[in-house]
N, C-alpha and C. Protein backbone atom coordinates (compact mmCIF):
# COMPACT_ATOMS: atom_id res chain seq x y z
N MET A 1 -29.05 14.95 -30.08
CA MET A 1 -29.33 14.34 -28.92
C MET A 1 -29.37 12.78 -28.80
N ARG A 2 -29.77 12.49 -29.96
CA ARG A 2 -29.78 10.86 -30.21
C ARG A 2 -28.37 10.31 -29.98
N ASP A 3 -27.24 11.03 -30.77
CA ASP A 3 -26.26 10.47 -30.81
C ASP A 3 -25.15 10.18 -29.42
N ASP A 4 -25.53 11.42 -28.48
CA ASP A 4 -24.98 10.96 -27.10
C ASP A 4 -25.36 9.88 -26.33
N ARG A 5 -26.24 9.59 -26.62
CA ARG A 5 -27.32 8.45 -25.70
C ARG A 5 -26.19 7.08 -25.37
N GLY A 6 -26.01 6.71 -24.30
CA GLY A 6 -25.69 5.76 -23.53
C GLY A 6 -23.77 6.26 -23.42
N SER A 7 -23.52 7.47 -23.67
CA SER A 7 -22.19 7.75 -23.39
C SER A 7 -21.72 7.96 -22.31
N THR A 8 -22.66 7.64 -21.44
CA THR A 8 -22.24 7.60 -19.62
C THR A 8 -21.90 6.03 -19.27
N VAL A 9 -22.23 5.48 -19.85
CA VAL A 9 -21.68 4.01 -19.62
C VAL A 9 -20.71 3.59 -19.37
N PRO A 10 -19.83 3.79 -20.85
CA PRO A 10 -18.35 3.60 -20.46
C PRO A 10 -17.30 4.68 -19.72
N LEU A 11 -18.12 5.99 -18.93
CA LEU A 11 -17.54 6.48 -17.92
C LEU A 11 -17.62 5.82 -16.74
N ILE A 12 -19.47 5.37 -16.19
CA ILE A 12 -19.24 4.96 -15.37
C ILE A 12 -18.72 3.83 -14.96
N LEU A 13 -18.39 2.73 -16.00
CA LEU A 13 -17.63 1.57 -15.67
C LEU A 13 -15.82 1.94 -15.60
N GLY A 14 -15.50 2.84 -16.31
CA GLY A 14 -14.28 3.44 -16.15
C GLY A 14 -13.95 3.70 -14.68
N PHE A 15 -14.99 4.66 -14.24
CA PHE A 15 -14.99 5.33 -12.51
C PHE A 15 -15.12 3.89 -11.67
N PHE A 16 -15.98 2.59 -12.16
CA PHE A 16 -15.90 1.80 -11.12
C PHE A 16 -14.63 1.31 -11.17
N LEU A 17 -14.05 0.78 -12.29
CA LEU A 17 -12.70 0.08 -12.37
C LEU A 17 -12.07 0.40 -11.56
N LEU A 18 -11.37 2.28 -11.78
CA LEU A 18 -10.86 2.64 -11.48
C LEU A 18 -10.97 2.69 -9.68
N ALA A 19 -12.06 2.70 -8.92
CA ALA A 19 -12.14 2.32 -7.37
C ALA A 19 -11.75 1.58 -7.21
N LEU A 20 -12.32 0.28 -7.91
CA LEU A 20 -11.79 -1.20 -7.55
C LEU A 20 -10.64 -1.11 -7.44
N LEU A 21 -9.61 -0.71 -8.32
CA LEU A 21 -8.43 -0.37 -8.39
C LEU A 21 -7.49 -0.21 -7.14
N ILE A 22 -8.21 1.20 -7.08
CA ILE A 22 -7.69 2.06 -6.10
C ILE A 22 -7.94 0.92 -4.62
N THR A 23 -8.96 0.76 -4.54
CA THR A 23 -9.60 -0.45 -3.42
C THR A 23 -8.58 -1.47 -3.06
N ALA A 24 -8.40 -2.07 -4.32
CA ALA A 24 -7.36 -3.50 -3.93
C ALA A 24 -6.03 -2.83 -3.71
N GLY A 25 -5.55 -1.80 -4.12
CA GLY A 25 -3.97 -1.37 -3.75
C GLY A 25 -4.21 -0.82 -2.25
N ALA A 26 -5.34 -0.26 -1.76
CA ALA A 26 -5.49 -0.06 -0.51
C ALA A 26 -5.14 -1.58 0.73
N VAL A 27 -6.03 -2.34 0.19
CA VAL A 27 -5.94 -3.44 0.88
C VAL A 27 -4.65 -4.18 0.86
N ALA A 28 -4.24 -4.47 -0.41
CA ALA A 28 -2.49 -5.13 -0.24
C ALA A 28 -1.77 -4.13 -0.05
N LEU A 29 -1.57 -2.83 0.18
CA LEU A 29 -0.93 -1.87 0.96
C LEU A 29 -0.97 -2.33 2.74
N GLY A 30 -2.21 -2.47 2.86
CA GLY A 30 -2.55 -2.64 4.56
C GLY A 30 -2.21 -3.67 4.70
N ASP A 31 -2.27 -4.85 4.13
CA ASP A 31 -1.89 -5.99 4.37
C ASP A 31 -0.47 -6.35 4.47
N ALA A 32 0.26 -5.71 3.38
CA ALA A 32 1.95 -6.03 3.60
C ALA A 32 2.11 -4.95 4.68
N TYR A 33 1.86 -4.10 5.30
CA TYR A 33 2.10 -3.45 6.38
C TYR A 33 1.57 -4.27 7.64
N VAL A 34 0.49 -4.67 8.10
CA VAL A 34 0.32 -5.53 9.04
C VAL A 34 0.99 -6.80 9.03
N GLN A 35 1.72 -7.48 7.87
CA GLN A 35 2.68 -8.63 8.14
C GLN A 35 3.99 -7.94 8.44
N GLN A 36 4.45 -6.64 8.25
CA GLN A 36 5.47 -6.11 8.55
C GLN A 36 5.70 -5.96 9.79
N ARG A 37 4.73 -5.24 10.54
CA ARG A 37 4.33 -4.96 11.66
C ARG A 37 4.54 -6.52 12.59
N GLY A 38 4.22 -7.55 12.05
CA GLY A 38 3.64 -8.75 12.66
C GLY A 38 5.11 -9.10 12.69
N LEU A 39 6.18 -9.39 11.42
CA LEU A 39 7.16 -9.67 11.68
C LEU A 39 8.15 -9.02 12.60
N GLN A 40 7.94 -7.57 12.50
CA GLN A 40 8.79 -7.09 13.69
C GLN A 40 8.64 -7.38 15.34
N SER A 41 7.40 -7.57 15.17
CA SER A 41 6.75 -8.03 16.47
C SER A 41 7.80 -9.69 17.07
N VAL A 42 7.51 -10.57 16.12
CA VAL A 42 8.39 -12.00 16.15
C VAL A 42 9.60 -11.59 16.55
N CYS A 43 10.45 -10.68 15.85
CA CYS A 43 11.49 -10.65 15.82
C CYS A 43 11.92 -10.28 17.01
N ASP A 44 11.28 -9.03 17.78
CA ASP A 44 11.65 -8.35 18.81
C ASP A 44 11.50 -9.48 19.92
N GLY A 45 10.30 -10.30 19.88
CA GLY A 45 10.13 -11.61 20.68
C GLY A 45 11.49 -12.82 20.29
N ALA A 46 12.08 -12.89 19.64
CA ALA A 46 13.21 -13.78 19.53
C ALA A 46 14.08 -13.44 20.30
N ALA A 47 14.48 -11.85 19.94
CA ALA A 47 15.38 -11.25 20.57
C ALA A 47 15.39 -11.34 22.16
N ALA A 48 14.42 -11.00 22.66
CA ALA A 48 13.47 -10.92 24.01
C ALA A 48 13.93 -12.63 24.52
N ALA A 49 13.45 -13.75 23.83
CA ALA A 49 13.70 -14.73 24.09
C ALA A 49 15.15 -15.51 24.06
N ALA A 50 16.18 -14.96 23.11
CA ALA A 50 17.50 -15.35 23.36
C ALA A 50 18.17 -14.80 24.64
N ALA A 51 17.64 -13.54 25.08
CA ALA A 51 18.33 -12.73 25.99
C ALA A 51 17.58 -13.69 27.22
N ALA A 52 16.68 -13.94 27.17
CA ALA A 52 16.15 -14.63 28.81
C ALA A 52 16.31 -16.09 28.50
N GLY A 53 16.82 -16.84 27.35
CA GLY A 53 16.81 -18.24 27.10
C GLY A 53 18.39 -18.68 27.57
N GLY A 54 19.05 -17.87 27.71
CA GLY A 54 20.36 -18.88 28.18
C GLY A 54 21.54 -17.67 27.84
N VAL A 55 21.20 -16.96 26.64
CA VAL A 55 22.17 -16.80 25.86
C VAL A 55 22.88 -15.44 26.95
N ASP A 56 24.29 -15.77 27.06
CA ASP A 56 24.74 -14.92 28.32
C ASP A 56 25.34 -13.43 28.05
N LEU A 57 24.74 -12.68 27.36
CA LEU A 57 25.33 -11.38 26.88
C LEU A 57 26.00 -10.47 27.65
N GLU A 58 25.84 -10.81 29.24
CA GLU A 58 26.46 -10.35 30.26
C GLU A 58 28.30 -10.96 30.20
N ARG A 59 28.20 -11.89 29.48
CA ARG A 59 29.63 -12.48 29.72
C ARG A 59 30.03 -12.25 28.18
N GLY A 60 29.44 -12.17 27.28
CA GLY A 60 29.65 -12.03 26.00
C GLY A 60 29.71 -13.26 25.58
N LEU A 61 29.36 -12.95 24.25
CA LEU A 61 29.21 -14.17 22.96
C LEU A 61 30.61 -14.09 22.16
N THR A 62 30.82 -15.15 21.28
CA THR A 62 32.10 -14.96 20.57
C THR A 62 32.04 -14.01 19.56
N PRO A 63 32.65 -12.84 19.75
CA PRO A 63 32.56 -11.59 18.89
C PRO A 63 32.68 -12.22 17.33
N GLY A 64 31.55 -11.79 16.41
CA GLY A 64 31.39 -12.21 15.27
C GLY A 64 31.05 -13.56 14.88
N ALA A 65 30.93 -13.97 16.11
CA ALA A 65 30.28 -15.54 15.62
C ALA A 65 28.97 -15.60 14.90
N GLY A 66 28.11 -14.66 15.01
CA GLY A 66 26.70 -14.81 14.66
C GLY A 66 26.97 -14.40 13.57
N ASP A 67 28.12 -13.95 12.59
CA ASP A 67 28.05 -13.43 11.17
C ASP A 67 27.78 -14.42 10.37
N ALA A 68 27.69 -15.59 10.31
CA ALA A 68 27.65 -16.80 10.03
C ALA A 68 26.25 -16.88 9.15
N ALA A 69 25.83 -17.65 8.03
CA ALA A 69 24.36 -17.86 7.39
C ALA A 69 23.57 -18.21 8.37
N ARG A 70 23.62 -18.82 9.73
CA ARG A 70 22.75 -19.22 10.30
C ARG A 70 23.58 -18.88 11.54
N PHE A 71 23.02 -19.36 13.01
CA PHE A 71 23.83 -19.01 14.21
C PHE A 71 25.07 -19.65 14.59
N ALA A 72 25.72 -19.34 15.07
CA ALA A 72 26.87 -19.81 15.25
C ALA A 72 26.96 -20.44 16.90
N ASP A 73 26.09 -19.81 17.73
CA ASP A 73 25.99 -20.03 19.06
C ASP A 73 24.68 -20.69 19.57
N VAL A 74 25.23 -22.30 19.84
CA VAL A 74 24.03 -23.22 19.74
C VAL A 74 22.85 -22.92 20.77
N THR A 75 23.37 -22.06 21.65
CA THR A 75 22.06 -21.59 22.76
C THR A 75 21.38 -20.57 22.27
N LEU A 76 21.77 -19.70 21.50
CA LEU A 76 21.03 -18.84 20.63
C LEU A 76 20.26 -19.35 19.45
N GLU A 77 20.52 -20.35 18.83
CA GLU A 77 19.70 -20.85 18.35
C GLU A 77 18.92 -21.65 18.31
N ARG A 78 19.14 -22.41 19.43
CA ARG A 78 17.67 -23.47 20.42
C ARG A 78 16.91 -22.48 20.88
N ALA A 79 17.22 -21.05 21.64
CA ALA A 79 16.25 -20.06 22.44
C ALA A 79 15.21 -19.49 20.85
N VAL A 80 16.18 -18.91 20.26
CA VAL A 80 15.13 -18.37 18.78
C VAL A 80 14.05 -19.28 18.18
N GLY A 81 14.79 -20.86 17.77
CA GLY A 81 14.31 -21.66 17.49
C GLY A 81 12.84 -22.15 18.23
N ALA A 82 13.34 -22.54 19.48
CA ALA A 82 12.04 -22.30 20.35
C ALA A 82 10.80 -21.37 20.53
N TYR A 83 11.54 -20.43 20.21
CA TYR A 83 10.20 -19.37 20.08
C TYR A 83 9.51 -19.30 18.92
N LEU A 84 10.19 -19.46 17.65
CA LEU A 84 9.56 -19.25 16.76
C LEU A 84 8.92 -20.71 16.25
N ALA A 85 9.15 -21.73 17.17
CA ALA A 85 8.39 -22.54 17.07
C ALA A 85 7.08 -22.60 17.34
N ARG A 86 6.35 -22.07 18.58
CA ARG A 86 5.27 -21.35 19.14
C ARG A 86 4.22 -20.86 17.82
N ASP A 87 4.72 -20.09 17.08
CA ASP A 87 3.66 -20.09 15.51
C ASP A 87 3.67 -20.61 14.60
N PRO A 88 2.74 -21.58 14.36
CA PRO A 88 3.24 -22.26 13.20
C PRO A 88 3.23 -21.43 11.90
N GLU A 89 2.95 -20.27 12.00
CA GLU A 89 2.77 -19.50 10.56
C GLU A 89 4.03 -18.94 10.16
N ARG A 90 4.91 -18.99 11.48
CA ARG A 90 6.36 -18.51 11.36
C ARG A 90 7.45 -19.40 10.77
N VAL A 91 6.99 -20.49 10.49
CA VAL A 91 8.16 -21.30 9.87
C VAL A 91 9.04 -21.44 9.15
N ASP A 92 8.86 -20.08 8.08
CA ASP A 92 9.79 -19.84 7.13
C ASP A 92 10.54 -18.53 7.33
N VAL A 93 10.43 -17.91 8.50
CA VAL A 93 11.23 -16.99 9.16
C VAL A 93 12.80 -17.45 8.87
N ALA A 94 13.24 -16.65 8.34
CA ALA A 94 14.95 -16.91 8.03
C ALA A 94 15.83 -15.60 8.74
N VAL A 95 16.34 -16.27 10.30
CA VAL A 95 16.93 -15.43 11.27
C VAL A 95 18.32 -15.58 11.29
N THR A 96 19.06 -14.42 11.14
CA THR A 96 20.30 -14.31 11.46
C THR A 96 20.97 -13.33 12.49
N ALA A 97 21.97 -13.67 13.28
CA ALA A 97 22.36 -12.99 14.55
C ALA A 97 23.89 -12.41 14.16
N ARG A 98 23.86 -11.16 14.72
CA ARG A 98 25.33 -10.53 14.56
C ARG A 98 25.48 -10.15 16.11
N THR A 99 26.99 -10.09 16.65
CA THR A 99 27.24 -9.44 17.95
C THR A 99 27.89 -7.73 17.22
N SER A 100 28.28 -7.08 18.55
CA SER A 100 28.64 -5.90 18.51
C SER A 100 30.25 -6.15 18.53
N ALA A 101 30.99 -5.04 18.41
CA ALA A 101 32.34 -5.46 18.42
C ALA A 101 33.12 -5.96 20.18
N ASP A 102 31.89 -5.24 20.84
CA ASP A 102 32.31 -6.14 22.59
C ASP A 102 31.90 -7.00 22.83
N ALA A 103 30.79 -7.66 21.97
CA ALA A 103 30.05 -8.98 22.38
C ALA A 103 28.97 -9.01 22.94
N ARG A 104 28.74 -7.78 23.40
CA ARG A 104 27.54 -7.42 24.19
C ARG A 104 26.43 -7.22 23.83
N THR A 105 26.30 -6.79 22.64
CA THR A 105 25.09 -6.58 21.98
C THR A 105 24.63 -7.61 20.66
N LEU A 106 23.49 -8.25 21.17
CA LEU A 106 22.78 -9.02 20.08
C LEU A 106 21.52 -8.45 18.81
N THR A 107 22.08 -8.37 17.98
CA THR A 107 21.43 -8.01 16.74
C THR A 107 20.74 -9.36 15.77
N LEU A 108 19.12 -9.41 15.66
CA LEU A 108 18.75 -10.40 14.91
C LEU A 108 17.88 -9.73 13.79
N ARG A 109 18.37 -9.95 13.04
CA ARG A 109 17.87 -9.83 11.60
C ARG A 109 16.78 -10.85 11.05
N CYS A 110 15.62 -10.44 10.68
CA CYS A 110 14.48 -11.67 10.66
C CYS A 110 14.05 -11.11 9.05
N ALA A 111 13.66 -12.14 8.23
CA ALA A 111 13.60 -12.13 6.90
C ALA A 111 12.79 -13.37 6.24
N GLU A 112 11.46 -13.29 5.61
CA GLU A 112 10.20 -13.64 5.39
C GLU A 112 9.67 -13.33 4.07
N THR A 113 9.38 -13.92 3.25
CA THR A 113 8.43 -13.54 2.42
C THR A 113 7.01 -14.15 2.17
N ARG A 114 6.16 -13.67 2.51
CA ARG A 114 4.72 -13.66 2.57
C ARG A 114 4.11 -13.14 1.53
N LYS A 115 2.62 -13.87 0.70
CA LYS A 115 1.94 -13.75 -0.17
C LYS A 115 0.79 -12.09 0.81
N ILE A 116 0.68 -11.39 -0.10
CA ILE A 116 -0.49 -10.32 0.40
C ILE A 116 -1.67 -10.55 -0.43
N ALA A 117 -2.74 -10.04 -0.23
CA ALA A 117 -3.92 -9.87 -0.82
C ALA A 117 -3.76 -9.29 -2.10
N PHE A 118 -4.34 -9.40 -3.17
CA PHE A 118 -4.34 -8.63 -4.49
C PHE A 118 -2.88 -8.76 -5.04
N GLY A 119 -1.79 -9.70 -4.09
CA GLY A 119 -0.74 -9.17 -4.91
C GLY A 119 -0.58 -9.56 -6.43
N ALA A 120 -1.09 -10.57 -7.05
CA ALA A 120 -0.98 -10.70 -8.56
C ALA A 120 -1.03 -10.03 -8.95
N MET A 121 -2.46 -9.02 -8.57
CA MET A 121 -2.64 -7.56 -9.61
C MET A 121 -1.70 -6.69 -9.55
N PHE A 122 -0.88 -6.54 -8.66
CA PHE A 122 0.02 -5.87 -9.00
C PHE A 122 1.92 -6.41 -8.77
N GLY A 123 1.79 -7.12 -9.62
CA GLY A 123 3.21 -8.10 -9.79
C GLY A 123 4.01 -8.84 -8.71
N LYS A 124 3.11 -8.75 -7.54
CA LYS A 124 3.99 -9.76 -6.35
C LYS A 124 3.14 -11.03 -5.96
N ALA A 125 3.19 -11.75 -6.92
CA ALA A 125 2.22 -13.09 -6.79
C ALA A 125 2.92 -14.31 -6.27
N GLY A 126 4.36 -14.03 -6.16
CA GLY A 126 5.58 -14.63 -5.11
C GLY A 126 5.43 -14.32 -3.88
N GLY A 127 4.86 -13.09 -3.69
CA GLY A 127 5.01 -12.57 -2.20
C GLY A 127 5.82 -11.10 -1.81
N VAL A 128 5.72 -10.91 -0.78
CA VAL A 128 6.40 -9.75 -0.66
C VAL A 128 7.72 -9.77 0.59
N ARG A 129 8.86 -9.23 0.06
CA ARG A 129 9.90 -9.61 1.07
C ARG A 129 9.88 -8.64 2.42
N HIS A 130 9.92 -9.24 3.18
CA HIS A 130 9.81 -8.54 4.78
C HIS A 130 10.83 -8.27 5.52
N VAL A 131 11.48 -7.79 6.01
CA VAL A 131 12.57 -7.80 6.93
C VAL A 131 12.79 -6.90 8.27
N ALA A 132 12.94 -7.40 9.53
CA ALA A 132 13.08 -6.66 10.42
C ALA A 132 14.34 -7.06 11.33
N GLU A 133 14.69 -5.91 11.97
CA GLU A 133 15.60 -6.16 12.79
C GLU A 133 15.29 -5.73 14.29
N SER A 134 16.10 -6.51 15.42
CA SER A 134 16.07 -6.40 16.72
C SER A 134 17.07 -6.38 17.76
N THR A 135 17.45 -5.66 18.24
CA THR A 135 18.69 -5.47 18.90
C THR A 135 18.49 -5.87 20.42
N VAL A 136 19.27 -6.82 21.31
CA VAL A 136 19.32 -6.72 22.68
C VAL A 136 20.59 -6.65 22.97
N ARG A 137 20.76 -5.76 24.26
CA ARG A 137 22.15 -5.22 24.91
C ARG A 137 21.77 -6.17 26.32
N ALA A 138 23.15 -6.72 26.73
CA ALA A 138 23.51 -7.19 27.99
C ALA A 138 23.12 -5.53 29.10
N PRO A 139 22.31 -5.96 30.09
CA PRO A 139 22.32 -4.66 31.10
C PRO A 139 23.69 -4.72 31.64
N VAL A 140 24.29 -3.11 32.13
CA VAL A 140 25.22 -3.08 32.53
C VAL A 140 25.33 -2.60 34.25
N PHE A 141 25.96 -2.83 34.87
CA PHE A 141 25.90 -3.05 36.30
C PHE A 141 27.16 -2.09 37.15
């Protein structure tokens, strides 16, 4: 019986470390999920701001003009830039725009890299890249 003394301490420490790792993983996944939802919300708002801010989808943009690295339409860039400037945490959001073949649908693609809680623990010290898309269409009368 004396040889078994203290053998539960390593087992308890092992389970404690495992519980800590699982908790850190859940927090990291939750943080990444919340950030993705936030980016989707920002992208939806930017698309709505573009539609409300003078981008005339009824008339149509130049087809394919938004396929460049950044925006080709100055009005679109101004409307989306003004919307993103409201939130100082979203200054690093990269937005690209493209139009449909009939030039009546605008799709914004928003991307950013943000650090997550316990990211270094899971090999994501540089952050996690989030991408969201939002589409706005001209009304049909």
